[in-house]
């Protein structure tokens, strides 16, 4: 039986919506698949903002947090999204300090898109191989905090740190993480439950 975990997804003003909504759907759909087969939901998924208040995302979506960083001292998995807000939050010492502290006890520390910059700045991804949105690769390299910034991969693992490329890549990473936590068969069932089978309109027959 898969053990219970707490998954924390950081949100902040100007975060890119799909960066965190995509993984949120994966983790919560995983729970629904367990509910159908075992009548339980092993993963608690929490949206966390610095103050615990509502944030306004990059495209205008307003999202209510479930907890503040002061409320959360331990997680099994941390996910940090990207978006224009990362340019501001990379200078937010209290937030970076929280990421550093909570990451120390995590089974997995993860990011989507430019969220990788917060993980390198805070320390968990410093000196590690990471990836990010294709348009941000050079910027992240110039910061000199990662050992390597990898291009043209959907996600990259270095130890317990997993970083994904831009926006939709977070869905792929989250499904892989579900496989690591609960087994490949469950991850595949979650993918089917989401009907996630990408066939982009400009690359597939219609």
N, C-alpha and C. Protein backbone atom coordinates (compact mmCIF):
# COMPACT_ATOMS: atom_id res chain seq x y z
N UNK A 1 0.84 -1.20 0.00
CA UNK A 1 0.00 0.00 0.00
C UNK A 1 0.88 1.24 0.00
N UNK A 2 0.62 2.20 -0.90
CA UNK A 2 1.42 3.42 -0.97
C UNK A 2 1.23 4.24 0.30
N UNK A 3 2.34 4.76 0.82
CA UNK A 3 2.24 5.55 2.05
C UNK A 3 1.66 6.92 1.76
N UNK A 4 1.22 7.57 2.82
CA UNK A 4 0.63 8.90 2.68
C UNK A 4 1.74 9.95 2.60
N UNK A 5 1.49 10.98 1.81
CA UNK A 5 2.45 12.06 1.62
C UNK A 5 1.72 13.40 1.62
N UNK A 6 2.47 14.44 1.94
CA UNK A 6 1.97 15.81 1.80
C UNK A 6 2.73 16.48 0.68
N UNK A 7 2.00 16.94 -0.31
CA UNK A 7 2.57 17.60 -1.49
C UNK A 7 2.24 19.08 -1.39
N UNK A 8 3.26 19.92 -1.36
CA UNK A 8 3.07 21.36 -1.29
C UNK A 8 3.40 22.02 -2.60
N UNK A 9 2.46 22.79 -3.12
CA UNK A 9 2.66 23.53 -4.37
C UNK A 9 2.68 25.01 -4.02
N UNK A 10 3.83 25.64 -4.23
CA UNK A 10 3.98 27.07 -3.95
C UNK A 10 3.29 27.88 -5.03
N UNK A 11 2.57 28.92 -4.62
CA UNK A 11 1.98 29.86 -5.58
C UNK A 11 2.32 31.28 -5.14
N UNK A 12 2.38 32.18 -6.09
CA UNK A 12 2.73 33.57 -5.82
C UNK A 12 2.18 34.43 -6.95
N UNK A 13 2.11 35.72 -6.72
CA UNK A 13 1.64 36.63 -7.77
C UNK A 13 2.49 36.46 -9.02
N UNK A 14 1.82 36.43 -10.17
CA UNK A 14 2.45 36.30 -11.48
C UNK A 14 3.07 34.93 -11.73
N UNK A 15 2.65 33.92 -10.97
CA UNK A 15 3.01 32.54 -11.31
C UNK A 15 2.26 32.14 -12.58
N UNK A 16 2.89 31.33 -13.41
CA UNK A 16 2.26 30.84 -14.63
C UNK A 16 1.22 29.78 -14.27
N UNK A 17 -0.01 29.97 -14.70
CA UNK A 17 -1.10 29.13 -14.24
C UNK A 17 -0.88 27.64 -14.47
N UNK A 18 -0.58 27.24 -15.70
CA UNK A 18 -0.49 25.81 -15.98
C UNK A 18 0.71 25.17 -15.30
N UNK A 19 1.71 25.96 -14.95
CA UNK A 19 2.88 25.43 -14.24
C UNK A 19 2.47 24.68 -12.98
N UNK A 20 1.47 25.21 -12.28
CA UNK A 20 1.06 24.52 -11.05
C UNK A 20 -0.30 23.85 -11.18
N UNK A 21 -1.19 24.36 -12.02
CA UNK A 21 -2.50 23.73 -12.18
C UNK A 21 -2.36 22.36 -12.84
N UNK A 22 -1.43 22.23 -13.80
CA UNK A 22 -1.21 20.94 -14.45
C UNK A 22 -0.77 19.87 -13.45
N UNK A 23 0.32 20.11 -12.69
CA UNK A 23 0.71 19.13 -11.67
C UNK A 23 -0.37 18.93 -10.60
N UNK A 24 -1.08 19.99 -10.22
CA UNK A 24 -2.17 19.84 -9.24
C UNK A 24 -3.19 18.83 -9.75
N UNK A 25 -3.54 18.92 -11.03
CA UNK A 25 -4.49 17.98 -11.62
C UNK A 25 -3.93 16.56 -11.57
N UNK A 26 -2.65 16.40 -11.87
CA UNK A 26 -2.04 15.07 -11.85
C UNK A 26 -2.11 14.47 -10.45
N UNK A 27 -1.65 15.23 -9.45
CA UNK A 27 -1.60 14.69 -8.09
C UNK A 27 -3.00 14.41 -7.53
N UNK A 28 -3.94 15.28 -7.83
CA UNK A 28 -5.29 15.06 -7.31
C UNK A 28 -6.02 13.98 -8.11
N UNK A 29 -5.75 13.86 -9.40
CA UNK A 29 -6.32 12.75 -10.18
C UNK A 29 -5.76 11.42 -9.68
N UNK A 30 -4.49 11.41 -9.33
CA UNK A 30 -3.89 10.21 -8.72
C UNK A 30 -4.69 9.80 -7.49
N UNK A 31 -5.02 10.77 -6.65
CA UNK A 31 -5.84 10.49 -5.47
C UNK A 31 -7.20 9.91 -5.85
N UNK A 32 -7.81 10.47 -6.89
CA UNK A 32 -9.13 9.97 -7.31
C UNK A 32 -9.05 8.53 -7.80
N UNK A 33 -7.95 8.18 -8.46
CA UNK A 33 -7.79 6.81 -8.92
C UNK A 33 -7.67 5.86 -7.72
N UNK A 34 -6.95 6.30 -6.68
CA UNK A 34 -6.87 5.50 -5.45
C UNK A 34 -8.25 5.38 -4.80
N UNK A 35 -9.00 6.48 -4.81
CA UNK A 35 -10.33 6.47 -4.18
C UNK A 35 -11.24 5.44 -4.85
N UNK A 36 -11.11 5.31 -6.16
CA UNK A 36 -11.96 4.37 -6.89
C UNK A 36 -11.58 2.92 -6.59
N UNK A 37 -10.28 2.67 -6.44
CA UNK A 37 -9.82 1.29 -6.29
C UNK A 37 -9.62 0.87 -4.84
N UNK A 38 -9.27 1.83 -3.96
CA UNK A 38 -8.93 1.48 -2.57
C UNK A 38 -9.70 2.30 -1.55
N UNK A 39 -10.56 3.19 -2.01
CA UNK A 39 -11.37 4.03 -1.12
C UNK A 39 -10.50 4.87 -0.18
N UNK A 40 -9.43 5.44 -0.69
CA UNK A 40 -8.57 6.32 0.10
C UNK A 40 -7.86 7.28 -0.84
N UNK A 41 -7.42 8.38 -0.28
CA UNK A 41 -6.65 9.38 -1.02
C UNK A 41 -5.35 9.62 -0.27
N UNK A 42 -4.25 8.96 -0.68
CA UNK A 42 -3.04 8.97 0.13
C UNK A 42 -2.26 10.28 0.14
N UNK A 43 -2.46 11.12 -0.84
CA UNK A 43 -1.66 12.35 -0.93
C UNK A 43 -2.50 13.58 -0.60
N UNK A 44 -2.02 14.34 0.37
CA UNK A 44 -2.63 15.63 0.68
C UNK A 44 -1.93 16.68 -0.17
N UNK A 45 -2.68 17.38 -1.01
CA UNK A 45 -2.11 18.36 -1.93
C UNK A 45 -2.50 19.76 -1.46
N UNK A 46 -1.51 20.59 -1.16
CA UNK A 46 -1.74 21.89 -0.53
C UNK A 46 -1.16 23.00 -1.39
N UNK A 47 -1.97 24.01 -1.68
CA UNK A 47 -1.50 25.22 -2.35
C UNK A 47 -1.03 26.21 -1.28
N UNK A 48 0.22 26.65 -1.39
CA UNK A 48 0.85 27.46 -0.35
C UNK A 48 1.30 28.79 -0.93
N UNK A 49 0.89 29.87 -0.31
CA UNK A 49 1.43 31.19 -0.67
C UNK A 49 2.19 31.75 0.52
N UNK A 50 2.97 32.77 0.29
CA UNK A 50 3.78 33.31 1.38
C UNK A 50 2.91 33.74 2.57
N UNK A 51 1.82 34.41 2.29
CA UNK A 51 0.97 34.93 3.37
C UNK A 51 -0.26 34.08 3.62
N UNK A 52 -0.52 33.10 2.76
CA UNK A 52 -1.75 32.32 2.87
C UNK A 52 -2.93 32.98 2.19
N UNK A 53 -2.70 34.12 1.56
CA UNK A 53 -3.78 34.86 0.91
C UNK A 53 -3.85 34.52 -0.58
N UNK A 54 -4.89 35.03 -1.21
CA UNK A 54 -5.11 34.83 -2.64
C UNK A 54 -3.98 35.46 -3.46
N UNK A 55 -3.60 34.79 -4.54
CA UNK A 55 -2.61 35.36 -5.46
C UNK A 55 -3.26 35.58 -6.82
N UNK A 56 -2.70 36.51 -7.57
CA UNK A 56 -3.15 36.78 -8.93
C UNK A 56 -2.06 36.31 -9.88
N UNK A 57 -2.40 35.34 -10.72
CA UNK A 57 -1.41 34.68 -11.55
C UNK A 57 -1.11 35.47 -12.83
N UNK A 58 -0.20 34.94 -13.63
CA UNK A 58 0.33 35.66 -14.79
C UNK A 58 -0.74 36.07 -15.79
N UNK A 59 -1.74 35.23 -15.99
CA UNK A 59 -2.78 35.51 -16.98
C UNK A 59 -4.07 36.02 -16.33
N UNK A 60 -3.99 36.38 -15.05
CA UNK A 60 -5.13 36.98 -14.38
C UNK A 60 -5.95 36.06 -13.50
N UNK A 61 -5.67 34.76 -13.51
CA UNK A 61 -6.41 33.85 -12.65
C UNK A 61 -6.10 34.15 -11.18
N UNK A 62 -7.15 34.23 -10.38
CA UNK A 62 -6.97 34.46 -8.95
C UNK A 62 -7.17 33.12 -8.22
N UNK A 63 -6.19 32.77 -7.38
CA UNK A 63 -6.19 31.46 -6.74
C UNK A 63 -6.04 31.66 -5.23
N UNK A 64 -6.92 31.00 -4.49
CA UNK A 64 -6.89 31.10 -3.04
C UNK A 64 -5.96 30.03 -2.47
N UNK A 65 -4.97 30.46 -1.70
CA UNK A 65 -4.06 29.51 -1.06
C UNK A 65 -4.77 28.75 0.04
N UNK A 66 -4.24 27.57 0.37
CA UNK A 66 -4.77 26.76 1.46
C UNK A 66 -3.96 26.94 2.74
N UNK A 67 -2.75 27.48 2.60
CA UNK A 67 -1.87 27.64 3.76
C UNK A 67 -0.84 28.72 3.45
N UNK A 68 -0.22 29.24 4.49
CA UNK A 68 0.91 30.16 4.34
C UNK A 68 2.20 29.39 4.59
N UNK A 69 3.33 29.99 4.24
CA UNK A 69 4.60 29.31 4.50
C UNK A 69 4.84 29.15 6.00
N UNK A 70 4.28 30.03 6.80
CA UNK A 70 4.41 29.90 8.25
C UNK A 70 3.68 28.67 8.77
N UNK A 71 2.64 28.24 8.05
CA UNK A 71 1.85 27.08 8.46
C UNK A 71 2.53 25.75 8.12
N UNK A 72 3.48 25.80 7.18
CA UNK A 72 4.02 24.56 6.61
C UNK A 72 5.50 24.43 6.96
N UNK A 73 5.81 23.45 7.77
CA UNK A 73 7.20 23.23 8.18
C UNK A 73 7.76 21.92 7.65
N UNK A 74 6.90 21.05 7.12
CA UNK A 74 7.38 19.76 6.61
C UNK A 74 6.53 19.33 5.43
N UNK A 75 7.20 18.89 4.38
CA UNK A 75 6.56 18.37 3.19
C UNK A 75 7.29 17.13 2.72
N UNK A 76 6.58 16.30 1.96
CA UNK A 76 7.22 15.17 1.29
C UNK A 76 7.64 15.54 -0.12
N UNK A 77 6.88 16.42 -0.75
CA UNK A 77 7.19 16.88 -2.10
C UNK A 77 6.89 18.37 -2.17
N UNK A 78 7.84 19.13 -2.67
CA UNK A 78 7.66 20.56 -2.91
C UNK A 78 7.72 20.82 -4.40
N UNK A 79 6.75 21.58 -4.90
CA UNK A 79 6.77 21.99 -6.30
C UNK A 79 6.73 23.51 -6.39
N UNK A 80 7.68 24.07 -7.14
CA UNK A 80 7.79 25.52 -7.33
C UNK A 80 7.52 25.83 -8.81
N UNK A 81 6.48 26.59 -9.12
CA UNK A 81 6.19 26.93 -10.52
C UNK A 81 7.06 28.08 -11.00
N UNK A 82 6.92 28.38 -12.28
CA UNK A 82 7.60 29.54 -12.84
C UNK A 82 6.63 30.66 -13.14
N UNK A 83 7.03 31.50 -14.07
CA UNK A 83 6.24 32.68 -14.41
C UNK A 83 7.03 33.94 -14.12
N UNK A 84 6.50 35.07 -14.57
CA UNK A 84 7.20 36.34 -14.38
C UNK A 84 7.46 36.65 -12.90
N UNK A 85 6.62 36.10 -12.04
CA UNK A 85 6.80 36.36 -10.62
C UNK A 85 8.10 35.85 -10.05
N UNK A 86 8.72 34.88 -10.71
CA UNK A 86 9.99 34.36 -10.20
C UNK A 86 11.08 35.43 -10.22
N UNK A 87 10.98 36.37 -11.14
CA UNK A 87 12.00 37.44 -11.21
C UNK A 87 11.98 38.29 -9.95
N UNK A 88 10.81 38.42 -9.35
CA UNK A 88 10.68 39.17 -8.10
C UNK A 88 11.01 38.27 -6.90
N UNK A 89 10.46 37.07 -6.91
CA UNK A 89 10.60 36.20 -5.75
C UNK A 89 12.02 35.71 -5.54
N UNK A 90 12.86 35.76 -6.58
CA UNK A 90 14.25 35.33 -6.41
C UNK A 90 15.01 36.26 -5.46
N UNK A 91 14.45 37.42 -5.19
CA UNK A 91 15.04 38.36 -4.22
C UNK A 91 14.28 38.41 -2.90
N UNK A 92 13.35 37.47 -2.72
CA UNK A 92 12.51 37.42 -1.52
C UNK A 92 13.16 36.47 -0.52
N UNK A 93 14.00 37.02 0.34
CA UNK A 93 14.79 36.18 1.25
C UNK A 93 13.93 35.30 2.16
N UNK A 94 12.85 35.81 2.78
CA UNK A 94 12.04 34.92 3.61
C UNK A 94 11.48 33.72 2.85
N UNK A 95 11.08 33.93 1.59
CA UNK A 95 10.56 32.83 0.80
C UNK A 95 11.67 31.84 0.45
N UNK A 96 12.83 32.36 0.04
CA UNK A 96 13.96 31.48 -0.29
C UNK A 96 14.40 30.69 0.94
N UNK A 97 14.42 31.33 2.08
CA UNK A 97 14.79 30.63 3.31
C UNK A 97 13.81 29.50 3.62
N UNK A 98 12.51 29.76 3.40
CA UNK A 98 11.50 28.72 3.62
C UNK A 98 11.72 27.56 2.66
N UNK A 99 11.95 27.85 1.38
CA UNK A 99 12.22 26.78 0.41
C UNK A 99 13.40 25.95 0.87
N UNK A 100 14.46 26.61 1.30
CA UNK A 100 15.66 25.89 1.75
C UNK A 100 15.35 24.99 2.94
N UNK A 101 14.60 25.51 3.91
CA UNK A 101 14.30 24.74 5.12
C UNK A 101 13.41 23.54 4.81
N UNK A 102 12.32 23.79 4.12
CA UNK A 102 11.34 22.72 3.90
C UNK A 102 11.89 21.67 2.94
N UNK A 103 12.75 22.09 2.01
CA UNK A 103 13.32 21.14 1.05
C UNK A 103 14.22 20.11 1.72
N UNK A 104 14.78 20.48 2.87
CA UNK A 104 15.71 19.58 3.55
C UNK A 104 15.10 18.26 3.97
N UNK A 105 13.79 18.23 4.21
CA UNK A 105 13.11 17.01 4.63
C UNK A 105 12.31 16.36 3.51
N UNK A 106 12.36 16.93 2.31
CA UNK A 106 11.52 16.44 1.22
C UNK A 106 12.09 15.18 0.58
N UNK A 107 11.19 14.30 0.19
CA UNK A 107 11.56 13.17 -0.65
C UNK A 107 11.88 13.66 -2.06
N UNK A 108 11.09 14.62 -2.55
CA UNK A 108 11.28 15.20 -3.87
C UNK A 108 11.17 16.72 -3.79
N UNK A 109 12.09 17.40 -4.48
CA UNK A 109 12.06 18.86 -4.60
C UNK A 109 12.00 19.17 -6.09
N UNK A 110 10.96 19.88 -6.52
CA UNK A 110 10.69 19.97 -7.96
C UNK A 110 10.34 21.39 -8.38
N UNK A 111 10.50 21.64 -9.68
CA UNK A 111 10.11 22.95 -10.22
C UNK A 111 9.61 22.78 -11.64
N UNK A 112 8.88 23.78 -12.07
CA UNK A 112 8.40 23.86 -13.45
C UNK A 112 8.88 25.19 -14.00
N UNK A 113 9.38 25.16 -15.24
CA UNK A 113 9.73 26.39 -15.95
C UNK A 113 10.79 27.19 -15.16
N UNK A 114 10.58 28.48 -14.98
CA UNK A 114 11.57 29.32 -14.32
C UNK A 114 11.57 29.16 -12.81
N UNK A 115 10.71 28.29 -12.30
CA UNK A 115 10.80 27.94 -10.89
C UNK A 115 12.15 27.36 -10.53
N UNK A 116 12.87 26.83 -11.53
CA UNK A 116 14.22 26.31 -11.29
C UNK A 116 15.13 27.39 -10.70
N UNK A 117 14.91 28.65 -11.09
CA UNK A 117 15.74 29.73 -10.56
C UNK A 117 15.57 29.87 -9.06
N UNK A 118 14.36 29.68 -8.56
CA UNK A 118 14.15 29.77 -7.11
C UNK A 118 14.81 28.60 -6.40
N UNK A 119 14.82 27.42 -7.02
CA UNK A 119 15.48 26.27 -6.39
C UNK A 119 17.00 26.42 -6.39
N UNK A 120 17.57 27.01 -7.43
CA UNK A 120 19.03 27.21 -7.41
C UNK A 120 19.39 28.34 -6.46
N UNK A 121 18.60 29.40 -6.44
CA UNK A 121 18.89 30.53 -5.55
C UNK A 121 18.75 30.13 -4.09
N UNK A 122 17.73 29.31 -3.78
CA UNK A 122 17.48 28.91 -2.40
C UNK A 122 18.44 27.83 -1.93
N UNK A 123 19.02 27.10 -2.87
CA UNK A 123 20.01 26.11 -2.49
C UNK A 123 19.74 24.68 -2.89
N UNK A 124 18.48 24.18 -2.90
CA UNK A 124 18.27 22.77 -3.19
C UNK A 124 18.78 22.30 -4.55
N UNK A 125 18.76 23.19 -5.55
CA UNK A 125 19.22 22.80 -6.89
C UNK A 125 20.58 23.41 -7.23
N UNK A 126 21.22 24.07 -6.28
CA UNK A 126 22.52 24.67 -6.55
C UNK A 126 23.56 23.56 -6.79
N UNK A 127 24.32 23.71 -7.85
CA UNK A 127 25.32 22.71 -8.20
C UNK A 127 24.76 21.45 -8.84
N UNK A 128 23.51 21.48 -9.23
CA UNK A 128 22.87 20.31 -9.85
C UNK A 128 22.52 20.57 -11.31
N UNK A 129 22.23 19.48 -12.03
CA UNK A 129 21.75 19.57 -13.40
C UNK A 129 20.27 19.92 -13.36
N UNK A 130 19.88 20.93 -14.11
CA UNK A 130 18.49 21.37 -14.11
C UNK A 130 18.06 21.69 -15.53
N UNK A 131 16.76 21.90 -15.70
CA UNK A 131 16.25 22.45 -16.95
C UNK A 131 15.21 23.51 -16.62
N UNK A 132 14.80 24.22 -17.65
CA UNK A 132 13.84 25.31 -17.48
C UNK A 132 13.21 25.60 -18.84
N UNK A 133 12.38 26.61 -18.91
CA UNK A 133 11.78 27.02 -20.18
C UNK A 133 12.88 27.35 -21.19
N UNK A 134 12.68 26.98 -22.44
CA UNK A 134 13.71 27.17 -23.45
C UNK A 134 14.17 28.62 -23.55
N UNK A 135 13.27 29.57 -23.34
CA UNK A 135 13.63 30.98 -23.47
C UNK A 135 14.41 31.50 -22.27
N UNK A 136 14.53 30.68 -21.22
CA UNK A 136 15.19 31.13 -20.00
C UNK A 136 16.50 30.40 -19.75
N UNK A 137 16.87 29.50 -20.65
CA UNK A 137 18.08 28.68 -20.46
C UNK A 137 19.33 29.55 -20.30
N UNK A 138 19.54 30.49 -21.21
CA UNK A 138 20.75 31.32 -21.14
C UNK A 138 20.78 32.15 -19.86
N UNK A 139 19.64 32.70 -19.48
CA UNK A 139 19.58 33.50 -18.25
C UNK A 139 19.96 32.68 -17.04
N UNK A 140 19.44 31.46 -16.95
CA UNK A 140 19.75 30.61 -15.81
C UNK A 140 21.22 30.20 -15.83
N UNK A 141 21.75 29.95 -17.00
CA UNK A 141 23.18 29.61 -17.10
C UNK A 141 24.05 30.77 -16.59
N UNK A 142 23.69 31.97 -16.95
CA UNK A 142 24.49 33.13 -16.56
C UNK A 142 24.50 33.37 -15.05
N UNK A 143 23.48 32.85 -14.35
CA UNK A 143 23.47 32.99 -12.91
C UNK A 143 24.55 32.13 -12.24
N UNK A 144 25.00 31.10 -12.93
CA UNK A 144 26.11 30.30 -12.46
C UNK A 144 25.83 29.45 -11.23
N UNK A 145 24.58 29.18 -10.93
CA UNK A 145 24.24 28.44 -9.71
C UNK A 145 24.06 26.95 -9.96
N UNK A 146 23.69 26.56 -11.17
CA UNK A 146 23.50 25.16 -11.52
C UNK A 146 24.79 24.62 -12.14
N UNK A 147 25.04 23.32 -11.98
CA UNK A 147 26.21 22.74 -12.62
C UNK A 147 26.03 22.66 -14.13
N UNK A 148 24.77 22.48 -14.56
CA UNK A 148 24.45 22.41 -15.99
C UNK A 148 22.98 22.74 -16.17
N UNK A 149 22.67 23.52 -17.18
CA UNK A 149 21.28 23.80 -17.55
C UNK A 149 21.02 23.07 -18.86
N UNK A 150 20.21 22.04 -18.80
CA UNK A 150 20.00 21.13 -19.92
C UNK A 150 18.89 21.66 -20.83
N UNK A 151 19.10 21.52 -22.12
CA UNK A 151 18.10 21.96 -23.11
C UNK A 151 17.39 20.75 -23.73
N UNK A 152 16.21 20.99 -24.25
CA UNK A 152 15.45 20.05 -25.08
C UNK A 152 15.11 18.74 -24.38
N UNK A 153 14.93 18.79 -23.07
CA UNK A 153 14.39 17.67 -22.34
C UNK A 153 13.17 18.15 -21.56
N UNK A 154 12.18 17.29 -21.41
CA UNK A 154 10.96 17.68 -20.72
C UNK A 154 11.19 17.83 -19.22
N UNK A 155 12.00 16.96 -18.64
CA UNK A 155 12.35 17.09 -17.23
C UNK A 155 13.68 16.40 -16.98
N UNK A 156 14.34 16.84 -15.91
CA UNK A 156 15.68 16.36 -15.58
C UNK A 156 15.72 16.03 -14.09
N UNK A 157 16.28 14.87 -13.75
CA UNK A 157 16.45 14.49 -12.36
C UNK A 157 17.92 14.53 -11.99
N UNK A 158 18.22 15.12 -10.83
CA UNK A 158 19.55 15.06 -10.23
C UNK A 158 19.34 14.79 -8.75
N UNK A 159 19.54 13.56 -8.35
CA UNK A 159 19.22 13.17 -6.97
C UNK A 159 17.73 13.25 -6.73
N UNK A 160 17.34 13.96 -5.68
CA UNK A 160 15.91 14.10 -5.40
C UNK A 160 15.34 15.41 -5.95
N UNK A 161 16.15 16.12 -6.75
CA UNK A 161 15.70 17.36 -7.38
C UNK A 161 15.29 17.06 -8.82
N UNK A 162 14.04 17.41 -9.14
CA UNK A 162 13.52 17.19 -10.50
C UNK A 162 13.00 18.52 -11.01
N UNK A 163 13.56 18.96 -12.14
CA UNK A 163 13.13 20.22 -12.74
C UNK A 163 12.57 19.93 -14.12
N UNK A 164 11.55 20.69 -14.51
CA UNK A 164 10.95 20.47 -15.82
C UNK A 164 11.04 21.73 -16.66
N UNK A 165 10.90 21.53 -17.95
CA UNK A 165 10.90 22.66 -18.89
C UNK A 165 9.60 23.44 -18.74
N UNK A 166 9.24 24.21 -19.74
CA UNK A 166 8.18 25.19 -19.58
C UNK A 166 6.77 24.63 -19.55
N UNK A 167 5.95 25.21 -18.69
CA UNK A 167 4.49 25.16 -18.69
C UNK A 167 3.95 23.73 -18.75
N UNK A 168 3.65 23.21 -19.93
CA UNK A 168 3.03 21.89 -20.04
C UNK A 168 3.96 20.76 -19.62
N UNK A 169 5.27 21.00 -19.61
CA UNK A 169 6.22 19.95 -19.22
C UNK A 169 6.01 19.54 -17.77
N UNK A 170 5.44 20.41 -16.97
CA UNK A 170 5.18 20.07 -15.58
C UNK A 170 4.22 18.90 -15.43
N UNK A 171 3.32 18.72 -16.38
CA UNK A 171 2.39 17.59 -16.35
C UNK A 171 3.16 16.29 -16.51
N UNK A 172 4.09 16.25 -17.48
CA UNK A 172 4.90 15.06 -17.70
C UNK A 172 5.72 14.73 -16.45
N UNK A 173 6.34 15.75 -15.86
CA UNK A 173 7.14 15.55 -14.66
C UNK A 173 6.28 15.01 -13.52
N UNK A 174 5.10 15.59 -13.33
CA UNK A 174 4.23 15.17 -12.24
C UNK A 174 3.78 13.72 -12.42
N UNK A 175 3.49 13.30 -13.63
CA UNK A 175 3.12 11.91 -13.88
C UNK A 175 4.29 10.98 -13.56
N UNK A 176 5.52 11.39 -13.92
CA UNK A 176 6.69 10.59 -13.58
C UNK A 176 6.84 10.48 -12.06
N UNK A 177 6.61 11.58 -11.36
CA UNK A 177 6.71 11.57 -9.90
C UNK A 177 5.66 10.65 -9.29
N UNK A 178 4.44 10.66 -9.82
CA UNK A 178 3.41 9.73 -9.35
C UNK A 178 3.89 8.30 -9.53
N UNK A 179 4.55 8.02 -10.64
CA UNK A 179 5.10 6.69 -10.87
C UNK A 179 6.16 6.32 -9.85
N UNK A 180 6.99 7.28 -9.48
CA UNK A 180 8.02 7.02 -8.47
C UNK A 180 7.41 6.77 -7.10
N UNK A 181 6.36 7.50 -6.79
CA UNK A 181 5.74 7.38 -5.47
C UNK A 181 4.80 6.20 -5.35
N UNK A 182 4.07 5.91 -6.43
CA UNK A 182 2.98 4.93 -6.33
C UNK A 182 3.06 3.80 -7.36
N UNK A 183 4.08 3.79 -8.19
CA UNK A 183 4.24 2.74 -9.16
C UNK A 183 3.81 3.15 -10.56
N UNK A 184 4.48 2.58 -11.55
CA UNK A 184 4.22 2.96 -12.94
C UNK A 184 2.79 2.64 -13.36
N UNK A 185 2.27 1.51 -12.90
CA UNK A 185 0.90 1.15 -13.28
C UNK A 185 -0.11 2.18 -12.82
N UNK A 186 0.07 2.69 -11.60
CA UNK A 186 -0.85 3.71 -11.09
C UNK A 186 -0.68 5.01 -11.87
N UNK A 187 0.56 5.36 -12.21
CA UNK A 187 0.80 6.58 -12.98
C UNK A 187 0.13 6.48 -14.35
N UNK A 188 0.20 5.32 -14.97
CA UNK A 188 -0.44 5.15 -16.28
C UNK A 188 -1.97 5.23 -16.15
N UNK A 189 -2.49 4.70 -15.07
CA UNK A 189 -3.94 4.80 -14.84
C UNK A 189 -4.34 6.26 -14.62
N UNK A 190 -3.50 7.00 -13.93
CA UNK A 190 -3.76 8.43 -13.72
C UNK A 190 -3.75 9.18 -15.05
N UNK A 191 -2.79 8.85 -15.90
CA UNK A 191 -2.71 9.48 -17.23
C UNK A 191 -3.97 9.19 -18.03
N UNK A 192 -4.45 7.95 -17.97
CA UNK A 192 -5.68 7.60 -18.68
C UNK A 192 -6.87 8.34 -18.08
N UNK A 193 -6.90 8.44 -16.75
CA UNK A 193 -7.99 9.15 -16.09
C UNK A 193 -8.06 10.61 -16.51
N UNK A 194 -6.91 11.20 -16.77
CA UNK A 194 -6.85 12.59 -17.22
C UNK A 194 -7.13 12.73 -18.72
N UNK A 195 -7.16 11.60 -19.41
CA UNK A 195 -7.17 11.57 -20.88
C UNK A 195 -6.04 12.45 -21.41
N UNK A 196 -4.86 12.25 -20.84
CA UNK A 196 -3.68 13.01 -21.26
C UNK A 196 -2.93 12.21 -22.30
N UNK A 197 -3.12 12.57 -23.55
CA UNK A 197 -2.50 11.88 -24.68
C UNK A 197 -2.25 12.92 -25.76
N UNK A 198 -1.23 13.77 -25.56
CA UNK A 198 -1.07 14.97 -26.40
C UNK A 198 -0.99 14.67 -27.90
N UNK A 199 -1.77 15.41 -28.64
CA UNK A 199 -1.73 15.37 -30.11
C UNK A 199 -1.95 16.81 -30.58
N UNK A 200 -0.90 17.63 -30.51
CA UNK A 200 -1.06 19.06 -30.84
C UNK A 200 -1.61 19.25 -32.25
N UNK A 201 -2.44 20.26 -32.44
CA UNK A 201 -3.12 20.43 -33.72
C UNK A 201 -2.20 20.67 -34.89
N UNK A 202 -0.99 21.17 -34.65
CA UNK A 202 -0.09 21.41 -35.77
C UNK A 202 0.93 20.30 -35.95
N UNK A 203 0.75 19.20 -35.18
CA UNK A 203 1.65 18.06 -35.33
C UNK A 203 0.90 16.76 -35.48
N UNK A 204 -0.42 16.80 -35.52
CA UNK A 204 -1.21 15.58 -35.61
C UNK A 204 -2.36 15.77 -36.59
N UNK A 205 -2.85 14.65 -37.08
CA UNK A 205 -3.96 14.72 -38.01
C UNK A 205 -5.23 15.17 -37.28
N UNK A 206 -6.06 15.92 -38.00
CA UNK A 206 -7.34 16.35 -37.43
C UNK A 206 -8.46 16.00 -38.39
